[in-house]
Amino acid sequence: MTMIRRLSELALALYLGLSILLVASGVQAQTTTTFATGFNSPSGIAFDAASNLYIAIVGDNAVSEVTLPASPPPPPPTSRP
């Protein structure tokens, strides 16, 4: 069975071991959306075939499923004056 792993900006924050996950809402966005906090030493991530995100948490000897926001952030602006 071949698994395709996707590493996005969203998942990269967890991969690097950050305890707060922020998602930028645009290219030069000034606001961020926090949707996952409180992980005790996250150490790995994985996506299943349905694109669900799972996080390995070493500090708790657990795996958590993260429910992603229902709608994606708006697309970045196409041009700036």
C-alpha atoms as a PDB file:
ATOM      1  CA  MET A   1       0.000   0.000   0.000  1.00  0.00           C
ATOM      2  CA  THR A   2       1.390   3.353  -0.998  1.00  0.00           C
ATOM      3  CA  MET A   3       0.702   6.276   1.290  1.00  0.00           C
ATOM      4  CA  ILE A   4       0.954   9.796   0.033  1.00  0.00           C
ATOM      5  CA  ARG A   5       2.001  12.224   2.709  1.00  0.00           C
ATOM      6  CA  ARG A   6       1.320  15.893   2.366  1.00  0.00           C
ATOM      7  CA  LEU A   7       3.256  18.428   4.374  1.00  0.00           C
ATOM      8  CA  SER A   8       1.601  21.808   4.299  1.00  0.00           C
ATOM      9  CA  GLU A   9       2.353  24.981   6.220  1.00  0.00           C
ATOM     10  CA  LEU A  10      -0.311  23.853   8.639  1.00  0.00           C
ATOM     11  CA  ALA A  11       1.376  20.541   9.311  1.00  0.00           C
ATOM     12  CA  LEU A  12       4.897  21.956   9.161  1.00  0.00           C
ATOM     13  CA  ALA A  13       4.313  23.887  12.388  1.00  0.00           C
ATOM     14  CA  LEU A  14       3.514  20.637  14.173  1.00  0.00           C
ATOM     15  CA  TYR A  15       6.412  18.805  12.567  1.00  0.00           C
ATOM     16  CA  LEU A  16       8.798  21.433  13.926  1.00  0.00           C
ATOM     17  CA  GLY A  17       7.427  20.872  17.428  1.00  0.00           C
ATOM     18  CA  LEU A  18       5.502  24.085  17.979  1.00  0.00           C
ATOM     19  CA  SER A  19       2.846  23.919  20.670  1.00  0.00           C
ATOM     20  CA  ILE A  20       0.531  26.452  19.013  1.00  0.00           C
ATOM     21  CA  LEU A  21      -0.615  26.014  15.441  1.00  0.00           C
ATOM     22  CA  LEU A  22      -1.377  29.143  13.450  1.00  0.00           C
ATOM     23  CA  VAL A  23      -2.801  29.351   9.959  1.00  0.00           C
ATOM     24  CA  ALA A  24      -2.262  32.516   7.957  1.00  0.00           C
ATOM     25  CA  SER A  25      -5.345  33.771   6.150  1.00  0.00           C
ATOM     26  CA  GLY A  26      -3.453  35.299   3.217  1.00  0.00           C
ATOM     27  CA  VAL A  27      -0.044  36.026   1.724  1.00  0.00           C
ATOM     28  CA  GLN A  28       0.512  39.192   3.741  1.00  0.00           C
ATOM     29  CA  ALA A  29      -2.154  38.532   6.342  1.00  0.00           C
ATOM     30  CA  GLN A  30      -2.008  40.374   9.627  1.00  0.00           C
ATOM     31  CA  THR A  31      -4.394  37.966  11.333  1.00  0.00           C
ATOM     32  CA  THR A  32      -4.043  34.288  12.084  1.00  0.00           C
ATOM     33  CA  THR A  33      -6.434  31.598  13.193  1.00  0.00           C
ATOM     34  CA  THR A  34      -5.436  29.325  16.067  1.00  0.00           C
ATOM     35  CA  PHE A  35      -7.157  25.967  15.989  1.00  0.00           C
ATOM     36  CA  ALA A  36      -4.841  23.551  17.817  1.00  0.00           C
ATOM     37  CA  THR A  37      -3.033  24.233  21.088  1.00  0.00           C
ATOM     38  CA  GLY A  38      -1.849  22.393  24.147  1.00  0.00           C
ATOM     39  CA  PHE A  39       0.123  19.533  22.629  1.00  0.00           C
ATOM     40  CA  ASN A  40       2.737  18.116  25.026  1.00  0.00           C
ATOM     41  CA  SER A  41       5.838  17.506  22.848  1.00  0.00           C
ATOM     42  CA  PRO A  42       4.269  16.789  19.441  1.00  0.00           C
ATOM     43  CA  SER A  43       6.691  14.695  17.411  1.00  0.00           C
ATOM     44  CA  GLY A  44       5.042  13.570  14.194  1.00  0.00           C
ATOM     45  CA  ILE A  45       2.132  14.035  11.841  1.00  0.00           C
ATOM     46  CA  ALA A  46       0.261  11.890   9.340  1.00  0.00           C
ATOM     47  CA  PHE A  47      -2.700  12.164   7.005  1.00  0.00           C
ATOM     48  CA  ASP A  48      -4.983   9.241   6.211  1.00  0.00           C
ATOM     49  CA  ALA A  49      -6.710   8.550   2.880  1.00  0.00           C
ATOM     50  CA  ALA A  50      -9.576  10.882   3.858  1.00  0.00           C
ATOM     51  CA  SER A  51      -7.102  13.741   4.580  1.00  0.00           C
ATOM     52  CA  ASN A  52      -7.657  13.600   8.342  1.00  0.00           C
ATOM     53  CA  LEU A  53      -4.690  14.971  10.311  1.00  0.00           C
ATOM     54  CA  TYR A  54      -3.194  12.869  13.126  1.00  0.00           C
ATOM     55  CA  ILE A  55      -0.528  14.097  15.567  1.00  0.00           C
ATOM     56  CA  ALA A  56       1.828  11.861  17.547  1.00  0.00           C
ATOM     57  CA  ILE A  57       2.256  13.327  21.039  1.00  0.00           C
ATOM     58  CA  VAL A  58       5.335  11.943  22.788  1.00  0.00           C
ATOM     59  CA  GLY A  59       4.690  13.752  26.067  1.00  0.00           C
ATOM     60  CA  ASP A  60       1.326  11.994  26.478  1.00  0.00           C
ATOM     61  CA  ASN A  61       2.081   8.691  24.665  1.00  0.00           C
ATOM     62  CA  ALA A  62      -0.930   9.376  22.458  1.00  0.00           C
ATOM     63  CA  VAL A  63      -2.123  10.091  18.945  1.00  0.00           C
ATOM     64  CA  SER A  64      -4.685  12.862  18.452  1.00  0.00           C
ATOM     65  CA  GLU A  65      -6.911  13.571  15.482  1.00  0.00           C
ATOM     66  CA  VAL A  66      -7.180  17.272  14.643  1.00  0.00           C
ATOM     67  CA  THR A  67     -10.379  18.525  13.052  1.00  0.00           C
ATOM     68  CA  LEU A  68      -9.419  21.146  10.527  1.00  0.00           C
ATOM     69  CA  PRO A  69     -11.536  24.275   9.970  1.00  0.00           C
ATOM     70  CA  ALA A  70     -14.557  23.596   7.755  1.00  0.00           C
ATOM     71  CA  SER A  71     -13.678  26.225   5.196  1.00  0.00           C
ATOM     72  CA  PRO A  72     -10.261  27.078   3.808  1.00  0.00           C
ATOM     73  CA  PRO A  73      -8.834  30.565   4.246  1.00  0.00           C
ATOM     74  CA  PRO A  74      -9.661  33.047   1.486  1.00  0.00           C
ATOM     75  CA  PRO A  75      -7.300  33.111  -1.496  1.00  0.00           C
ATOM     76  CA  PRO A  76      -4.510  35.694  -1.473  1.00  0.00           C
ATOM     77  CA  PRO A  77      -5.085  38.957  -3.342  1.00  0.00           C
ATOM     78  CA  THR A  78      -4.047  38.848  -6.985  1.00  0.00           C
ATOM     79  CA  SER A  79      -2.468  42.290  -7.102  1.00  0.00           C
ATOM     80  CA  ARG A  80      -1.431  45.178  -4.878  1.00  0.00           C
ATOM     81  CA  PRO A  81      -1.513  48.881  -5.818  1.00  0.00           C
END
